[in-house]
Amino acid sequence: MSDPSSMSGGFTDDALLGGKVKFRQPASGYRAAIDPVLLAAAVPDSVQGRVLDLGCGAGAAMLCLAKRREDLQVVGLERDEGMAQLARHNVETNGFGPRVTVVTGDLLQPPPQLVVGSFNAVIANPPFLDPDNATASPDPKKAAATVEGDADLADWARAASRLVRPNGLVIFIHRADRLAALRAALEQSGCGGLVLLPIWPKAHTEPKRMVVVGRRGDKSDVRMANGLILHDNDERFTAKANAVLREGVPLAIV
């Protein structure tokens, strides 16, 4: 495998899950924060078999999930070859071996090795800005990661629903102010029984992120799960947030 350090641009060697996961990512442009860690934590322990990270980037979510669940086969799909190469480097650096793989391809036309209905769960942290209302970053890679492009939110939901098996889980993390659009996209794609988990910056504030879990073919009603408060008044992570973000404790959702 070629070393991503030979690619154009600089990189930083960081860590996730309190140092349990080594993570190389671009020094500029889009950089992973806590969203992918929360997304990985939203995969319930009941999920078995194969999990797809749709639009995996450098692999933050899939790496965190693979670290917590050594019994899972985890696959990442990434359109940008440079980022896919970086994700493969991260897989190798963490010693995950063949149970974690990265496929280069577009969710609008998934490569043939991603067989329809072959995953037990699909997770996604899609671009969260509506192109009609967003001011895109001048950095093209950051813009591609944060502003919807050729694939809109409905396309992401359709791809996830198509690739997950019947009764399999589809799990998204997105901006709370776009919850209505995400709910509609998932329900129209055939995922129901939605569970909503709000992520609050602090107590008594409006949520900034929402984790949404759906099940392909489920017809049951939407329900609200207990949310997660990230910070105490002193700006430190709450004990529950610290357990999820640094110790790898899963979110209690399903």
Protein backbone atom coordinates (compact mmCIF):
# COMPACT_ATOMS: atom_id res chain seq x y z
CA MET A 1 0.00 0.00 0.00
CA SER A 2 1.31 3.48 -0.82
CA ASP A 3 1.87 5.84 2.10
CA PRO A 4 -0.70 8.68 2.23
CA SER A 5 2.11 11.00 3.28
CA SER A 6 3.17 10.93 -0.36
CA MET A 7 -0.14 12.54 -1.35
CA SER A 8 -0.38 16.30 -1.86
CA GLY A 9 -1.15 18.32 1.25
CA GLY A 10 -0.22 17.77 4.88
CA PHE A 11 -1.61 15.38 7.46
CA THR A 12 -1.84 15.13 11.22
CA ASP A 13 -1.60 11.96 13.26
CA ASP A 14 -4.40 12.12 15.80
CA ALA A 15 -6.29 9.71 18.04
CA LEU A 16 -9.90 8.74 18.67
CA LEU A 17 -11.62 7.03 21.60
CA GLY A 18 -9.17 8.42 24.12
CA GLY A 19 -6.15 7.16 22.19
CA LYS A 20 -7.48 3.68 21.46
CA VAL A 21 -7.65 4.41 17.71
CA LYS A 22 -4.84 5.97 15.68
CA PHE A 23 -6.20 8.36 13.07
CA ARG A 24 -4.37 10.16 10.29
CA GLN A 25 -6.37 12.91 8.58
CA PRO A 26 -5.77 15.96 6.37
CA ALA A 27 -4.25 18.92 8.17
CA SER A 28 -6.65 21.30 6.40
CA GLY A 29 -10.09 21.07 4.88
CA TYR A 30 -12.59 18.72 6.50
CA ARG A 31 -11.36 17.24 9.78
CA ALA A 32 -13.25 14.69 11.81
CA ALA A 33 -14.64 15.88 15.15
CA ILE A 34 -17.02 14.00 17.42
CA ASP A 35 -19.84 13.28 14.95
CA PRO A 36 -18.30 10.07 13.53
CA VAL A 37 -17.48 8.85 17.04
CA LEU A 38 -21.12 9.33 18.05
CA LEU A 39 -22.25 7.62 14.86
CA ALA A 40 -20.13 4.54 15.61
CA ALA A 41 -21.44 4.50 19.18
CA ALA A 42 -25.01 4.42 17.84
CA VAL A 43 -24.56 0.92 16.38
CA PRO A 44 -26.28 -1.34 18.93
CA ASP A 45 -24.53 -4.38 20.34
CA SER A 46 -27.39 -6.45 18.88
CA VAL A 47 -26.09 -5.83 15.33
CA GLN A 48 -24.15 -8.77 13.97
CA GLY A 49 -22.40 -9.55 10.70
CA ARG A 50 -21.51 -6.75 8.27
CA VAL A 51 -21.76 -2.97 8.66
CA LEU A 52 -21.26 -0.40 5.88
CA ASP A 53 -19.98 3.12 6.52
CA LEU A 54 -21.46 5.11 3.64
CA GLY A 55 -19.09 7.93 2.66
CA CYS A 56 -16.44 6.93 5.18
CA GLY A 57 -13.87 9.68 4.47
CA ALA A 58 -10.63 8.86 6.29
CA GLY A 59 -12.52 6.23 8.25
CA ALA A 60 -13.20 7.78 11.67
CA ALA A 61 -16.59 6.15 12.27
CA MET A 62 -15.65 2.74 10.88
CA LEU A 63 -12.41 2.67 12.87
CA CYS A 64 -14.21 3.46 16.13
CA LEU A 65 -16.82 0.82 15.41
CA ALA A 66 -14.22 -1.80 14.49
CA LYS A 67 -12.33 -1.10 17.71
CA ARG A 68 -15.41 -1.54 19.87
CA ARG A 69 -16.81 -4.54 17.99
CA GLU A 70 -14.08 -6.97 17.05
CA ASP A 71 -16.73 -9.46 15.89
CA LEU A 72 -18.00 -7.27 13.03
CA GLN A 73 -16.97 -7.09 9.39
CA VAL A 74 -16.83 -3.38 8.57
CA VAL A 75 -16.76 -1.90 5.06
CA GLY A 76 -16.27 1.74 4.11
CA LEU A 77 -17.43 3.29 0.83
CA GLU A 78 -15.63 6.47 -0.21
CA ARG A 79 -15.86 8.37 -3.51
CA ASP A 80 -12.58 10.28 -3.22
CA GLU A 81 -9.65 7.97 -3.98
CA GLY A 82 -7.22 10.01 -1.88
CA MET A 83 -9.47 9.78 1.18
CA ALA A 84 -10.11 6.09 0.53
CA GLN A 85 -6.35 5.54 0.43
CA LEU A 86 -6.00 7.40 3.72
CA ALA A 87 -8.75 5.26 5.27
CA ARG A 88 -6.91 2.09 4.16
CA HIS A 89 -3.75 3.43 5.76
CA ASN A 90 -5.67 3.96 9.01
CA VAL A 91 -7.09 0.45 8.88
CA GLU A 92 -3.60 -0.97 8.46
CA THR A 93 -2.09 1.24 11.16
CA ASN A 94 -4.68 0.04 13.67
CA GLY A 95 -4.05 -3.59 12.77
CA PHE A 96 -7.64 -4.42 11.87
CA GLY A 97 -6.65 -6.73 9.03
CA PRO A 98 -9.08 -8.07 6.44
CA ARG A 99 -12.21 -7.67 8.58
CA VAL A 100 -12.15 -3.92 7.81
CA THR A 101 -12.02 -2.90 4.15
CA VAL A 102 -12.45 0.29 2.13
CA VAL A 103 -14.06 0.38 -1.32
CA THR A 104 -13.72 3.32 -3.69
CA GLY A 105 -17.00 4.22 -5.36
CA ASP A 106 -20.01 6.51 -5.56
CA LEU A 107 -23.17 5.88 -3.55
CA LEU A 108 -25.22 6.94 -6.58
CA GLN A 109 -23.77 3.95 -8.45
CA PRO A 110 -22.35 1.61 -5.81
CA PRO A 111 -19.61 -0.74 -7.01
CA PRO A 112 -20.69 -4.34 -7.66
CA GLN A 113 -18.91 -5.74 -4.59
CA LEU A 114 -21.47 -3.89 -2.45
CA VAL A 115 -24.31 -6.33 -2.96
CA VAL A 116 -27.86 -5.06 -2.50
CA GLY A 117 -29.30 -6.11 0.85
CA SER A 118 -26.03 -7.60 2.10
CA PHE A 119 -25.36 -5.46 5.18
CA ASN A 120 -26.82 -5.86 8.64
CA ALA A 121 -26.50 -2.12 9.25
CA VAL A 122 -25.52 0.97 7.28
CA ILE A 123 -24.19 4.09 8.99
CA ALA A 124 -23.76 7.55 7.47
CA ASN A 125 -22.58 11.05 8.36
CA PRO A 126 -23.59 12.82 5.14
CA PRO A 127 -22.87 16.42 4.14
CA PHE A 128 -25.16 18.43 6.38
CA LEU A 129 -25.65 21.71 4.50
CA ASP A 130 -28.38 22.33 1.95
CA PRO A 131 -26.67 23.71 -1.18
CA ASP A 132 -29.49 26.21 -1.70
CA ASN A 133 -28.78 27.87 1.65
CA ALA A 134 -25.11 27.12 2.32
CA THR A 135 -21.99 29.21 1.98
CA ALA A 136 -19.49 26.63 0.78
CA SER A 137 -15.94 26.52 2.07
CA PRO A 138 -13.31 27.67 -0.45
CA ASP A 139 -11.51 24.40 0.27
CA PRO A 140 -13.04 21.96 -2.28
CA LYS A 141 -12.58 18.87 -0.09
CA LYS A 142 -14.19 20.55 2.91
CA ALA A 143 -17.01 21.82 0.71
CA ALA A 144 -17.61 18.30 -0.64
CA ALA A 145 -17.75 16.91 2.90
CA THR A 146 -20.11 19.54 4.29
CA VAL A 147 -22.39 20.67 1.44
CA GLU A 148 -24.66 18.30 -0.47
CA GLY A 149 -23.40 17.75 -4.01
CA ASP A 150 -24.59 15.35 -6.71
CA ALA A 151 -26.12 13.15 -3.99
CA ASP A 152 -28.72 14.87 -1.84
CA LEU A 153 -30.09 13.62 1.47
CA ALA A 154 -32.74 11.51 -0.26
CA ASP A 155 -30.03 9.81 -2.34
CA TRP A 156 -28.06 8.94 0.81
CA ALA A 157 -31.17 7.46 2.40
CA ARG A 158 -32.06 5.45 -0.71
CA ALA A 159 -28.53 4.06 -1.00
CA ALA A 160 -28.48 3.05 2.66
CA SER A 161 -31.91 1.40 2.46
CA ARG A 162 -30.97 -0.44 -0.73
CA LEU A 163 -27.75 -1.86 0.68
CA VAL A 164 -29.08 -2.93 4.09
CA ARG A 165 -30.90 -6.24 4.48
CA PRO A 166 -34.63 -6.39 5.35
CA ASN A 167 -35.03 -5.51 9.04
CA GLY A 168 -31.48 -4.16 9.03
CA LEU A 169 -30.66 -0.83 10.66
CA VAL A 170 -29.90 2.46 8.92
CA ILE A 171 -28.21 4.97 11.24
CA PHE A 172 -27.56 8.63 10.38
CA ILE A 173 -26.14 11.54 12.32
CA HIS A 174 -27.18 14.96 11.04
CA ARG A 175 -27.93 18.52 12.00
CA ALA A 176 -30.95 18.76 14.28
CA ASP A 177 -32.40 21.61 12.22
CA ARG A 178 -32.66 19.25 9.23
CA LEU A 179 -34.44 16.49 11.12
CA ALA A 180 -37.67 16.87 9.14
CA ALA A 181 -35.84 16.40 5.84
CA LEU A 182 -33.93 13.39 7.17
CA ARG A 183 -37.08 11.76 8.54
CA ALA A 184 -38.85 12.22 5.22
CA ALA A 185 -35.89 10.84 3.27
CA LEU A 186 -35.59 7.74 5.43
CA GLU A 187 -39.31 7.02 5.50
CA GLN A 188 -39.63 7.46 1.74
CA SER A 189 -36.74 5.04 1.26
CA GLY A 190 -38.57 2.33 3.21
CA CYS A 191 -37.00 2.78 6.65
CA GLY A 192 -39.41 3.22 9.53
CA GLY A 193 -39.71 2.72 13.26
CA LEU A 194 -37.41 5.71 13.60
CA VAL A 195 -35.67 6.32 16.90
CA LEU A 196 -34.49 9.89 17.47
CA LEU A 197 -31.65 10.72 19.84
CA PRO A 198 -30.84 14.41 20.33
CA ILE A 199 -27.30 15.59 21.09
CA TRP A 200 -27.30 18.73 23.25
CA PRO A 201 -24.20 20.95 23.65
CA LYS A 202 -25.30 21.64 27.25
CA ALA A 203 -28.35 21.10 29.42
CA HIS A 204 -31.29 23.40 28.66
CA THR A 205 -30.06 24.20 25.14
CA GLU A 206 -31.38 23.28 21.73
CA PRO A 207 -29.89 20.11 20.22
CA LYS A 208 -27.32 20.67 17.48
CA ARG A 209 -27.13 17.09 16.21
CA MET A 210 -29.59 14.25 15.93
CA VAL A 211 -28.84 10.56 15.67
CA VAL A 212 -31.64 8.80 13.77
CA VAL A 213 -31.98 5.02 13.66
CA GLY A 214 -34.40 3.36 11.24
CA ARG A 215 -35.17 -0.19 10.30
CA ARG A 216 -35.79 -1.27 6.71
CA GLY A 217 -39.40 -2.35 6.34
CA ASP A 218 -40.47 -1.29 9.85
CA LYS A 219 -43.92 0.32 10.06
CA SER A 220 -43.93 1.28 13.74
CA ASP A 221 -44.17 4.80 15.10
CA VAL A 222 -41.36 7.27 15.65
CA ARG A 223 -40.08 7.45 19.22
CA MET A 224 -37.65 9.64 21.11
CA ALA A 225 -34.69 8.08 22.94
CA ASN A 226 -32.86 9.60 25.88
CA GLY A 227 -30.48 12.18 24.47
CA LEU A 228 -26.87 12.91 25.29
CA ILE A 229 -25.66 16.14 26.90
CA LEU A 230 -22.10 16.79 25.80
CA HIS A 231 -20.78 19.42 28.21
CA ASP A 232 -21.16 20.51 31.80
CA ASN A 233 -21.28 24.21 32.65
CA ASP A 234 -17.49 24.22 32.98
CA GLU A 235 -17.23 23.09 29.31
CA ARG A 236 -15.87 19.66 30.23
CA PHE A 237 -17.50 16.57 28.78
CA THR A 238 -20.22 15.12 30.98
CA ALA A 239 -19.53 11.70 32.45
CA LYS A 240 -21.87 10.06 29.93
CA ALA A 241 -20.35 11.91 26.98
CA ASN A 242 -16.86 11.05 28.16
CA ALA A 243 -17.81 7.37 28.38
CA VAL A 244 -19.05 7.41 24.78
CA LEU A 245 -16.36 9.60 23.21
CA ARG A 246 -13.28 8.36 25.05
CA GLU A 247 -14.10 4.96 26.51
CA GLY A 248 -16.08 3.51 23.60
CA VAL A 249 -19.34 2.96 25.48
CA PRO A 250 -22.25 2.59 23.03
CA LEU A 251 -25.20 4.96 22.99
CA ALA A 252 -28.37 3.46 24.41
CA ILE A 253 -30.76 3.79 21.47
CA VAL A 254 -32.45 0.55 20.40
